[in-house]
Amino acid sequence: MSRGAALFLAFILIFTFPIWIGLLAGGFGLMVGIFGGIFGIIGSIIGAIFNVIGSVFSAIFGAFDWGWSGTPIFHSHLHMNRYAFLAFIIVIALIISKKRQRS
């Protein structure tokens, strides 16, 4: 290799070194970001599963008002606890089913 080629190669390496470091750091950041995104997706799926389980238990125990203070479902002028709301839904369903049986 001639001296001019060696100087040109050294010149290219010195001036493009920040670009190579930036590309490597960007690739590393991209890989870490994808890895963190995967952990975020897995964590949110697990959180959603626990939320559904908690909501089912809350609906079961809250509907019969066992140990809760009767938190109202509607906060406007109609104050109805969960048990009364469940009874209202059952009555409406029975009325609809009776009307369908008559027809």
PDB file of N, CA and C in Angstrom:
ATOM      1  N   MET A   1       0.851  -1.159   0.000  1.00  0.00           N
ATOM      2  CA  MET A   1       0.000   0.000   0.000  1.00  0.00           C
ATOM      3  C   MET A   1       0.909   1.238   0.000  1.00  0.00           C
ATOM      4  N   SER A   2       0.579   2.156  -0.845  1.00  0.00           N
ATOM      5  CA  SER A   2       1.404   3.370  -0.937  1.00  0.00           C
ATOM      6  C   SER A   2       1.072   4.303   0.203  1.00  0.00           C
ATOM      7  N   ARG A   3       1.975   5.280   0.377  1.00  0.00           N
ATOM      8  CA  ARG A   3       1.809   6.214   1.485  1.00  0.00           C
ATOM      9  C   ARG A   3       0.559   7.080   1.276  1.00  0.00           C
ATOM     10  N   GLY A   4       0.247   7.447   0.078  1.00  0.00           N
ATOM     11  CA  GLY A   4      -0.928   8.268  -0.201  1.00  0.00           C
ATOM     12  C   GLY A   4      -2.222   7.510   0.086  1.00  0.00           C
ATOM     13  N   ALA A   5      -2.230   6.229  -0.272  1.00  0.00           N
ATOM     14  CA  ALA A   5      -3.413   5.418  -0.010  1.00  0.00           C
ATOM     15  C   ALA A   5      -3.620   5.229   1.498  1.00  0.00           C
ATOM     16  N   ALA A   6      -2.516   5.056   2.225  1.00  0.00           N
ATOM     17  CA  ALA A   6      -2.601   4.882   3.671  1.00  0.00           C
ATOM     18  C   ALA A   6      -3.105   6.162   4.332  1.00  0.00           C
ATOM     19  N   LEU A   7      -2.613   7.323   3.867  1.00  0.00           N
ATOM     20  CA  LEU A   7      -3.091   8.593   4.413  1.00  0.00           C
ATOM     21  C   LEU A   7      -4.565   8.815   4.080  1.00  0.00           C
ATOM     22  N   PHE A   8      -4.926   8.469   2.858  1.00  0.00           N
ATOM     23  CA  PHE A   8      -6.341   8.609   2.482  1.00  0.00           C
ATOM     24  C   PHE A   8      -7.231   7.706   3.329  1.00  0.00           C
ATOM     25  N   LEU A   9      -6.794   6.476   3.563  1.00  0.00           N
ATOM     26  CA  LEU A   9      -7.559   5.542   4.402  1.00  0.00           C
ATOM     27  C   LEU A   9      -7.652   6.055   5.839  1.00  0.00           C
ATOM     28  N   ALA A  10      -6.539   6.583   6.392  1.00  0.00           N
ATOM     29  CA  ALA A  10      -6.543   7.133   7.744  1.00  0.00           C
ATOM     30  C   ALA A  10      -7.464   8.354   7.812  1.00  0.00           C
ATOM     31  N   PHE A  11      -7.416   9.190   6.774  1.00  0.00           N
ATOM     32  CA  PHE A  11      -8.272  10.373   6.718  1.00  0.00           C
ATOM     33  C   PHE A  11      -9.752   9.977   6.701  1.00  0.00           C
ATOM     34  N   ILE A  12     -10.080   8.981   5.884  1.00  0.00           N
ATOM     35  CA  ILE A  12     -11.468   8.495   5.816  1.00  0.00           C
ATOM     36  C   ILE A  12     -11.906   7.924   7.169  1.00  0.00           C
ATOM     37  N   LEU A  13     -11.061   7.113   7.793  1.00  0.00           N
ATOM     38  CA  LEU A  13     -11.418   6.510   9.086  1.00  0.00           C
ATOM     39  C   LEU A  13     -11.583   7.565  10.175  1.00  0.00           C
ATOM     40  N   ILE A  14     -10.726   8.573  10.209  1.00  0.00           N
ATOM     41  CA  ILE A  14     -10.803   9.606  11.245  1.00  0.00           C
ATOM     42  C   ILE A  14     -12.071  10.438  11.094  1.00  0.00           C
ATOM     43  N   PHE A  15     -12.391  10.832   9.863  1.00  0.00           N
ATOM     44  CA  PHE A  15     -13.549  11.697   9.679  1.00  0.00           C
ATOM     45  C   PHE A  15     -14.889  10.947   9.653  1.00  0.00           C
ATOM     46  N   THR A  16     -14.862   9.662   9.369  1.00  0.00           N
ATOM     47  CA  THR A  16     -16.127   8.913   9.362  1.00  0.00           C
ATOM     48  C   THR A  16     -16.339   8.130  10.654  1.00  0.00           C
ATOM     49  N   PHE A  17     -15.382   8.211  11.580  1.00  0.00           N
ATOM     50  CA  PHE A  17     -15.518   7.490  12.842  1.00  0.00           C
ATOM     51  C   PHE A  17     -16.769   7.912  13.609  1.00  0.00           C
ATOM     52  N   PRO A  18     -17.101   9.208  13.731  1.00  0.00           N
ATOM     53  CA  PRO A  18     -18.336   9.582  14.430  1.00  0.00           C
ATOM     54  C   PRO A  18     -19.585   9.028  13.753  1.00  0.00           C
ATOM     55  N   ILE A  19     -19.559   8.928  12.430  1.00  0.00           N
ATOM     56  CA  ILE A  19     -20.713   8.360  11.731  1.00  0.00           C
ATOM     57  C   ILE A  19     -20.873   6.897  12.096  1.00  0.00           C
ATOM     58  N   TRP A  20     -19.757   6.144  12.135  1.00  0.00           N
ATOM     59  CA  TRP A  20     -19.845   4.722  12.489  1.00  0.00           C
ATOM     60  C   TRP A  20     -20.302   4.544  13.929  1.00  0.00           C
ATOM     61  N   ILE A  21     -19.806   5.384  14.831  1.00  0.00           N
ATOM     62  CA  ILE A  21     -20.231   5.302  16.234  1.00  0.00           C
ATOM     63  C   ILE A  21     -21.730   5.636  16.326  1.00  0.00           C
ATOM     64  N   GLY A  22     -22.161   6.651  15.593  1.00  0.00           N
ATOM     65  CA  GLY A  22     -23.572   7.021  15.608  1.00  0.00           C
ATOM     66  C   GLY A  22     -24.454   5.912  15.063  1.00  0.00           C
ATOM     67  N   LEU A  23     -24.031   5.272  13.986  1.00  0.00           N
ATOM     68  CA  LEU A  23     -24.808   4.170  13.423  1.00  0.00           C
ATOM     69  C   LEU A  23     -24.876   2.987  14.387  1.00  0.00           C
ATOM     70  N   LEU A  24     -23.747   2.669  15.021  1.00  0.00           N
ATOM     71  CA  LEU A  24     -23.755   1.566  15.999  1.00  0.00           C
ATOM     72  C   LEU A  24     -24.634   1.904  17.208  1.00  0.00           C
ATOM     73  N   ALA A  25     -24.533   3.138  17.696  1.00  0.00           N
ATOM     74  CA  ALA A  25     -25.356   3.535  18.838  1.00  0.00           C
ATOM     75  C   ALA A  25     -26.837   3.562  18.453  1.00  0.00           C
ATOM     76  N   GLY A  26     -27.146   4.016  17.234  1.00  0.00           N
ATOM     77  CA  GLY A  26     -28.529   4.009  16.775  1.00  0.00           C
ATOM     78  C   GLY A  26     -29.077   2.600  16.651  1.00  0.00           C
ATOM     79  N   GLY A  27     -28.263   1.680  16.136  1.00  0.00           N
ATOM     80  CA  GLY A  27     -28.688   0.275  16.039  1.00  0.00           C
ATOM     81  C   GLY A  27     -28.910  -0.332  17.409  1.00  0.00           C
ATOM     82  N   PHE A  28     -27.990   0.000  18.354  1.00  0.00           N
ATOM     83  CA  PHE A  28     -28.148  -0.503  19.719  1.00  0.00           C
ATOM     84  C   PHE A  28     -29.415   0.072  20.349  1.00  0.00           C
ATOM     85  N   GLY A  29     -29.667   1.366  20.149  1.00  0.00           N
ATOM     86  CA  GLY A  29     -30.875   1.990  20.687  1.00  0.00           C
ATOM     87  C   GLY A  29     -32.127   1.394  20.081  1.00  0.00           C
ATOM     88  N   LEU A  30     -32.076   1.077  18.786  1.00  0.00           N
ATOM     89  CA  LEU A  30     -33.224   0.448  18.132  1.00  0.00           C
ATOM     90  C   LEU A  30     -33.496  -0.934  18.715  1.00  0.00           C
ATOM     91  N   MET A  31     -32.436  -1.709  18.935  1.00  0.00           N
ATOM     92  CA  MET A  31     -32.619  -3.055  19.507  1.00  0.00           C
ATOM     93  C   MET A  31     -33.156  -2.974  20.934  1.00  0.00           C
ATOM     94  N   VAL A  32     -32.627  -2.052  21.735  1.00  0.00           N
ATOM     95  CA  VAL A  32     -33.102  -1.906  23.116  1.00  0.00           C
ATOM     96  C   VAL A  32     -34.545  -1.407  23.127  1.00  0.00           C
ATOM     97  N   GLY A  33     -34.886  -0.506  22.201  1.00  0.00           N
ATOM     98  CA  GLY A  33     -36.259  -0.010  22.118  1.00  0.00           C
ATOM     99  C   GLY A  33     -37.243  -1.101  21.733  1.00  0.00           C
ATOM    100  N   ILE A  34     -36.859  -1.942  20.790  1.00  0.00           N
ATOM    101  CA  ILE A  34     -37.730  -3.058  20.400  1.00  0.00           C
ATOM    102  C   ILE A  34     -37.883  -4.036  21.559  1.00  0.00           C
ATOM    103  N   PHE A  35     -36.779  -4.309  22.254  1.00  0.00           N
ATOM    104  CA  PHE A  35     -36.817  -5.202  23.411  1.00  0.00           C
ATOM    105  C   PHE A  35     -37.720  -4.626  24.504  1.00  0.00           C
ATOM    106  N   GLY A  36     -37.610  -3.316  24.758  1.00  0.00           N
ATOM    107  CA  GLY A  36     -38.468  -2.669  25.748  1.00  0.00           C
ATOM    108  C   GLY A  36     -39.919  -2.658  25.311  1.00  0.00           C
ATOM    109  N   GLY A  37     -40.145  -2.483  24.005  1.00  0.00           N
ATOM    110  CA  GLY A  37     -41.515  -2.530  23.499  1.00  0.00           C
ATOM    111  C   GLY A  37     -42.142  -3.900  23.680  1.00  0.00           C
ATOM    112  N   ILE A  38     -41.349  -4.941  23.458  1.00  0.00           N
ATOM    113  CA  ILE A  38     -41.854  -6.305  23.658  1.00  0.00           C
ATOM    114  C   ILE A  38     -42.207  -6.523  25.128  1.00  0.00           C
ATOM    115  N   PHE A  39     -41.332  -6.054  26.042  1.00  0.00           N
ATOM    116  CA  PHE A  39     -41.645  -6.164  27.470  1.00  0.00           C
ATOM    117  C   PHE A  39     -42.892  -5.362  27.819  1.00  0.00           C
ATOM    118  N   GLY A  40     -43.067  -4.195  27.207  1.00  0.00           N
ATOM    119  CA  GLY A  40     -44.251  -3.382  27.453  1.00  0.00           C
ATOM    120  C   GLY A  40     -45.517  -4.070  26.985  1.00  0.00           C
ATOM    121  N   ILE A  41     -45.460  -4.701  25.816  1.00  0.00           N
ATOM    122  CA  ILE A  41     -46.629  -5.415  25.301  1.00  0.00           C
ATOM    123  C   ILE A  41     -46.976  -6.591  26.206  1.00  0.00           C
ATOM    124  N   ILE A  42     -45.959  -7.351  26.603  1.00  0.00           N
ATOM    125  CA  ILE A  42     -46.207  -8.497  27.490  1.00  0.00           C
ATOM    126  C   ILE A  42     -46.775  -8.022  28.831  1.00  0.00           C
ATOM    127  N   GLY A  43     -46.196  -6.945  29.379  1.00  0.00           N
ATOM    128  CA  GLY A  43     -46.703  -6.411  30.645  1.00  0.00           C
ATOM    129  C   GLY A  43     -48.129  -5.912  30.540  1.00  0.00           C
ATOM    130  N   SER A  44     -48.457  -5.261  29.418  1.00  0.00           N
ATOM    131  CA  SER A  44     -49.829  -4.768  29.274  1.00  0.00           C
ATOM    132  C   SER A  44     -50.822  -5.909  29.083  1.00  0.00           C
ATOM    133  N   ILE A  45     -50.412  -6.978  28.412  1.00  0.00           N
ATOM    134  CA  ILE A  45     -51.302  -8.136  28.260  1.00  0.00           C
ATOM    135  C   ILE A  45     -51.555  -8.791  29.619  1.00  0.00           C
ATOM    136  N   ILE A  46     -50.499  -8.943  30.411  1.00  0.00           N
ATOM    137  CA  ILE A  46     -50.661  -9.521  31.749  1.00  0.00           C
ATOM    138  C   ILE A  46     -51.543  -8.608  32.610  1.00  0.00           C
ATOM    139  N   GLY A  47     -51.329  -7.287  32.515  1.00  0.00           N
ATOM    140  CA  GLY A  47     -52.162  -6.343  33.265  1.00  0.00           C
ATOM    141  C   GLY A  47     -53.621  -6.399  32.836  1.00  0.00           C
ATOM    142  N   ALA A  48     -53.856  -6.569  31.539  1.00  0.00           N
ATOM    143  CA  ALA A  48     -55.234  -6.657  31.048  1.00  0.00           C
ATOM    144  C   ALA A  48     -55.906  -7.925  31.550  1.00  0.00           C
ATOM    145  N   ILE A  49     -55.157  -9.020  31.597  1.00  0.00           N
ATOM    146  CA  ILE A  49     -55.722 -10.279  32.105  1.00  0.00           C
ATOM    147  C   ILE A  49     -56.104 -10.129  33.574  1.00  0.00           C
ATOM    148  N   PHE A  50     -55.205  -9.539  34.380  1.00  0.00           N
ATOM    149  CA  PHE A  50     -55.533  -9.339  35.793  1.00  0.00           C
ATOM    150  C   PHE A  50     -56.686  -8.350  35.964  1.00  0.00           C
ATOM    151  N   ASN A  51     -56.772  -7.368  35.070  1.00  0.00           N
ATOM    152  CA  ASN A  51     -57.882  -6.425  35.135  1.00  0.00           C
ATOM    153  C   ASN A  51     -59.208  -7.119  34.858  1.00  0.00           C
ATOM    154  N   VAL A  52     -59.241  -8.019  33.890  1.00  0.00           N
ATOM    155  CA  VAL A  52     -60.473  -8.747  33.589  1.00  0.00           C
ATOM    156  C   VAL A  52     -60.864  -9.636  34.772  1.00  0.00           C
ATOM    157  N   ILE A  53     -59.877 -10.320  35.347  1.00  0.00           N
ATOM    158  CA  ILE A  53     -60.164 -11.174  36.502  1.00  0.00           C
ATOM    159  C   ILE A  53     -60.699 -10.334  37.666  1.00  0.00           C
ATOM    160  N   GLY A  54     -60.056  -9.195  37.933  1.00  0.00           N
ATOM    161  CA  GLY A  54     -60.525  -8.314  39.006  1.00  0.00           C
ATOM    162  C   GLY A  54     -61.899  -7.741  38.724  1.00  0.00           C
ATOM    163  N   SER A  55     -62.172  -7.427  37.476  1.00  0.00           N
ATOM    164  CA  SER A  55     -63.488  -6.898  37.123  1.00  0.00           C
ATOM    165  C   SER A  55     -64.575  -7.941  37.296  1.00  0.00           C
ATOM    166  N   VAL A  56     -64.274  -9.196  36.961  1.00  0.00           N
ATOM    167  CA  VAL A  56     -65.250 -10.265  37.142  1.00  0.00           C
ATOM    168  C   VAL A  56     -65.569 -10.443  38.623  1.00  0.00           C
ATOM    169  N   PHE A  57     -64.523 -10.484  39.459  1.00  0.00           N
ATOM    170  CA  PHE A  57     -64.763 -10.613  40.893  1.00  0.00           C
ATOM    171  C   PHE A  57     -65.495  -9.398  41.448  1.00  0.00           C
ATOM    172  N   SER A  58     -65.150  -8.208  40.962  1.00  0.00           N
ATOM    173  CA  SER A  58     -65.831  -7.008  41.418  1.00  0.00           C
ATOM    174  C   SER A  58     -67.293  -7.017  41.000  1.00  0.00           C
ATOM    175  N   ALA A  59     -67.579  -7.502  39.792  1.00  0.00           N
ATOM    176  CA  ALA A  59     -68.964  -7.566  39.346  1.00  0.00           C
ATOM    177  C   ALA A  59     -69.754  -8.600  40.140  1.00  0.00           C
ATOM    178  N   ILE A  60     -69.124  -9.732  40.435  1.00  0.00           N
ATOM    179  CA  ILE A  60     -69.820 -10.790  41.185  1.00  0.00           C
ATOM    180  C   ILE A  60     -70.119 -10.323  42.608  1.00  0.00           C
ATOM    181  N   PHE A  61     -69.086  -9.854  43.309  1.00  0.00           N
ATOM    182  CA  PHE A  61     -69.288  -9.474  44.701  1.00  0.00           C
ATOM    183  C   PHE A  61     -69.968  -8.122  44.825  1.00  0.00           C
ATOM    184  N   GLY A  62     -69.759  -7.232  43.864  1.00  0.00           N
ATOM    185  CA  GLY A  62     -70.384  -5.923  43.914  1.00  0.00           C
ATOM    186  C   GLY A  62     -71.852  -5.968  43.568  1.00  0.00           C
ATOM    187  N   ALA A  63     -72.258  -6.946  42.753  1.00  0.00           N
ATOM    188  CA  ALA A  63     -73.664  -7.046  42.363  1.00  0.00           C
ATOM    189  C   ALA A  63     -74.539  -7.390  43.570  1.00  0.00           C
ATOM    190  N   PHE A  64     -74.001  -8.170  44.484  1.00  0.00           N
ATOM    191  CA  PHE A  64     -74.767  -8.544  45.668  1.00  0.00           C
ATOM    192  C   PHE A  64     -74.434  -7.662  46.864  1.00  0.00           C
ATOM    193  N   ASP A  65     -73.545  -6.686  46.657  1.00  0.00           N
ATOM    194  CA  ASP A  65     -73.202  -5.696  47.670  1.00  0.00           C
ATOM    195  C   ASP A  65     -72.684  -6.350  48.948  1.00  0.00           C
ATOM    196  N   TRP A  66     -71.747  -7.264  48.793  1.00  0.00           N
ATOM    197  CA  TRP A  66     -71.167  -7.953  49.945  1.00  0.00           C
ATOM    198  C   TRP A  66     -69.963  -7.166  50.441  1.00  0.00           C
ATOM    199  N   GLY A  67     -70.143  -6.452  51.507  1.00  0.00           N
ATOM    200  CA  GLY A  67     -69.022  -5.781  52.135  1.00  0.00           C
ATOM    201  C   GLY A  67     -68.686  -4.429  51.539  1.00  0.00           C
ATOM    202  N   TRP A  68     -69.349  -4.026  50.471  1.00  0.00           N
ATOM    203  CA  TRP A  68     -69.079  -2.712  49.896  1.00  0.00           C
ATOM    204  C   TRP A  68     -70.124  -1.729  50.396  1.00  0.00           C
ATOM    205  N   SER A  69     -69.839  -0.479  50.212  1.00  0.00           N
ATOM    206  CA  SER A  69     -70.733   0.534  50.752  1.00  0.00           C
ATOM    207  C   SER A  69     -71.865   0.887  49.794  1.00  0.00           C
ATOM    208  N   GLY A  70     -72.123   0.078  48.807  1.00  0.00           N
ATOM    209  CA  GLY A  70     -73.207   0.337  47.872  1.00  0.00           C
ATOM    210  C   GLY A  70     -72.897   1.491  46.942  1.00  0.00           C
ATOM    211  N   THR A  71     -71.750   1.442  46.310  1.00  0.00           N
ATOM    212  CA  THR A  71     -71.359   2.509  45.399  1.00  0.00           C
ATOM    213  C   THR A  71     -72.377   2.620  44.278  1.00  0.00           C
ATOM    214  N   PRO A  72     -72.944   3.791  44.069  1.00  0.00           N
ATOM    215  CA  PRO A  72     -73.974   3.912  43.036  1.00  0.00           C
ATOM    216  C   PRO A  72     -73.394   3.791  41.636  1.00  0.00           C
ATOM    217  N   ILE A  73     -74.177   3.172  40.752  1.00  0.00           N
ATOM    218  CA  ILE A  73     -73.748   3.055  39.366  1.00  0.00           C
ATOM    219  C   ILE A  73     -74.011   4.357  38.637  1.00  0.00           C
ATOM    220  N   PHE A  74     -75.168   4.949  38.838  1.00  0.00           N
ATOM    221  CA  PHE A  74     -75.531   6.192  38.186  1.00  0.00           C
ATOM    222  C   PHE A  74     -75.336   7.334  39.181  1.00  0.00           C
ATOM    223  N   HIS A  75     -74.653   8.370  38.743  1.00  0.00           N
ATOM    224  CA  HIS A  75     -74.371   9.478  39.655  1.00  0.00           C
ATOM    225  C   HIS A  75     -75.229  10.702  39.362  1.00  0.00           C
ATOM    226  N   SER A  76     -76.248  10.548  38.528  1.00  0.00           N
ATOM    227  CA  SER A  76     -77.132  11.687  38.273  1.00  0.00           C
ATOM    228  C   SER A  76     -78.264  11.657  39.298  1.00  0.00           C
ATOM    229  N   HIS A  77     -79.490  11.796  38.878  1.00  0.00           N
ATOM    230  CA  HIS A  77     -80.616  11.809  39.813  1.00  0.00           C
ATOM    231  C   HIS A  77     -81.049  10.398  40.219  1.00  0.00           C
ATOM    232  N   LEU A  78     -80.675   9.414  39.423  1.00  0.00           N
ATOM    233  CA  LEU A  78     -81.065   8.041  39.717  1.00  0.00           C
ATOM    234  C   LEU A  78     -79.917   7.363  40.461  1.00  0.00           C
ATOM    235  N   HIS A  79     -80.129   7.103  41.748  1.00  0.00           N
ATOM    236  CA  HIS A  79     -79.104   6.444  42.539  1.00  0.00           C
ATOM    237  C   HIS A  79     -79.527   4.999  42.767  1.00  0.00           C
ATOM    238  N   MET A  80     -78.745   4.091  42.205  1.00  0.00           N
ATOM    239  CA  MET A  80     -79.108   2.681  42.249  1.00  0.00           C
ATOM    240  C   MET A  80     -77.819   1.878  42.502  1.00  0.00           C
ATOM    241  N   ASN A  81     -77.854   1.027  43.524  1.00  0.00           N
ATOM    242  CA  ASN A  81     -76.668   0.204  43.734  1.00  0.00           C
ATOM    243  C   ASN A  81     -76.654  -0.946  42.736  1.00  0.00           C
ATOM    244  N   ARG A  82     -75.602  -1.730  42.778  1.00  0.00           N
ATOM    245  CA  ARG A  82     -75.429  -2.776  41.765  1.00  0.00           C
ATOM    246  C   ARG A  82     -76.492  -3.867  41.857  1.00  0.00           C
ATOM    247  N   TYR A  83     -76.910  -4.179  43.065  1.00  0.00           N
ATOM    248  CA  TYR A  83     -77.936  -5.208  43.235  1.00  0.00           C
ATOM    249  C   TYR A  83     -79.255  -4.767  42.616  1.00  0.00           C
ATOM    250  N   ALA A  84     -79.628  -3.535  42.857  1.00  0.00           N
ATOM    251  CA  ALA A  84     -80.871  -3.022  42.285  1.00  0.00           C
ATOM    252  C   ALA A  84     -80.766  -2.936  40.762  1.00  0.00           C
ATOM    253  N   PHE A  85     -79.597  -2.556  40.257  1.00  0.00           N
ATOM    254  CA  PHE A  85     -79.400  -2.486  38.812  1.00  0.00           C
ATOM    255  C   PHE A  85     -79.507  -3.879  38.191  1.00  0.00           C
ATOM    256  N   LEU A  86     -78.923  -4.901  38.844  1.00  0.00           N
ATOM    257  CA  LEU A  86     -79.018  -6.274  38.357  1.00  0.00           C
ATOM    258  C   LEU A  86     -80.472  -6.755  38.385  1.00  0.00           C
ATOM    259  N   ALA A  87     -81.209  -6.432  39.439  1.00  0.00           N
ATOM    260  CA  ALA A  87     -82.616  -6.816  39.516  1.00  0.00           C
ATOM    261  C   ALA A  87     -83.418  -6.123  38.421  1.00  0.00           C
ATOM    262  N   PHE A  88     -83.108  -4.863  38.128  1.00  0.00           N
ATOM    263  CA  PHE A  88     -83.781  -4.118  37.072  1.00  0.00           C
ATOM    264  C   PHE A  88     -83.526  -4.774  35.710  1.00  0.00           C
ATOM    265  N   ILE A  89     -82.311  -5.182  35.442  1.00  0.00           N
ATOM    266  CA  ILE A  89     -81.973  -5.855  34.180  1.00  0.00           C
ATOM    267  C   ILE A  89     -82.726  -7.185  34.064  1.00  0.00           C
ATOM    268  N   ILE A  90     -82.825  -7.937  35.166  1.00  0.00           N
ATOM    269  CA  ILE A  90     -83.529  -9.220  35.145  1.00  0.00           C
ATOM    270  C   ILE A  90     -85.016  -9.002  34.863  1.00  0.00           C
ATOM    271  N   VAL A  91     -85.619  -7.988  35.490  1.00  0.00           N
ATOM    272  CA  VAL A  91     -87.043  -7.701  35.253  1.00  0.00           C
ATOM    273  C   VAL A  91     -87.275  -7.311  33.798  1.00  0.00           C
ATOM    274  N   ILE A  92     -86.433  -6.490  33.240  1.00  0.00           N
ATOM    275  CA  ILE A  92     -86.563  -6.092  31.835  1.00  0.00           C
ATOM    276  C   ILE A  92     -86.427  -7.317  30.923  1.00  0.00           C
ATOM    277  N   ALA A  93     -85.486  -8.200  31.224  1.00  0.00           N
ATOM    278  CA  ALA A  93     -85.312  -9.404  30.410  1.00  0.00           C
ATOM    279  C   ALA A  93     -86.529 -10.315  30.501  1.00  0.00           C
ATOM    280  N   LEU A  94     -87.129 -10.442  31.680  1.00  0.00           N
ATOM    281  CA  LEU A  94     -88.338 -11.257  31.832  1.00  0.00           C
ATOM    282  C   LEU A  94     -89.518 -10.660  31.062  1.00  0.00           C
ATOM    283  N   ILE A  95     -89.650  -9.344  31.092  1.00  0.00           N
ATOM    284  CA  ILE A  95     -90.741  -8.693  30.347  1.00  0.00           C
ATOM    285  C   ILE A  95     -90.565  -8.905  28.850  1.00  0.00           C
ATOM    286  N   ILE A  96     -89.356  -8.771  28.365  1.00  0.00           N
ATOM    287  CA  ILE A  96     -89.107  -8.974  26.930  1.00  0.00           C
ATOM    288  C   ILE A  96     -89.370 -10.419  26.532  1.00  0.00           C
ATOM    289  N   SER A  97     -88.946 -11.363  27.373  1.00  0.00           N
ATOM    290  CA  SER A  97     -89.163 -12.776  27.028  1.00  0.00           C
ATOM    291  C   SER A  97     -90.656 -13.135  27.074  1.00  0.00           C
ATOM    292  N   LYS A  98     -91.419 -12.541  27.994  1.00  0.00           N
ATOM    293  CA  LYS A  98     -92.887 -12.802  28.032  1.00  0.00           C
ATOM    294  C   LYS A  98     -93.573 -12.266  26.789  1.00  0.00           C
ATOM    295  N   LYS A  99     -93.160 -11.081  26.322  1.00  0.00           N
ATOM    296  CA  LYS A  99     -93.756 -10.499  25.116  1.00  0.00           C
ATOM    297  C   LYS A  99     -93.440 -11.359  23.893  1.00  0.00           C
ATOM    298  N   ARG A 100     -92.270 -11.948  23.842  1.00  0.00           N
ATOM    299  CA  ARG A 100     -91.895 -12.793  22.689  1.00  0.00           C
ATOM    300  C   ARG A 100     -92.659 -14.112  22.720  1.00  0.00           C
ATOM    301  N   GLN A 101     -92.985 -14.614  23.911  1.00  0.00           N
ATOM    302  CA  GLN A 101     -93.715 -15.880  24.011  1.00  0.00           C
ATOM    303  C   GLN A 101     -95.159 -15.695  23.589  1.00  0.00           C
ATOM    304  N   ARG A 102     -95.741 -14.520  23.793  1.00  0.00           N
ATOM    305  CA  ARG A 102     -97.127 -14.259  23.399  1.00  0.00           C
ATOM    306  C   ARG A 102     -97.270 -14.176  21.893  1.00  0.00           C
ATOM    307  N   SER A 103     -96.241 -13.684  21.207  1.00  0.00           N
ATOM    308  CA  SER A 103     -96.347 -13.514  19.765  1.00  0.00           C
ATOM    309  C   SER A 103     -96.250 -14.791  18.992  1.00  0.00           C
TER     310      SER A 103
END
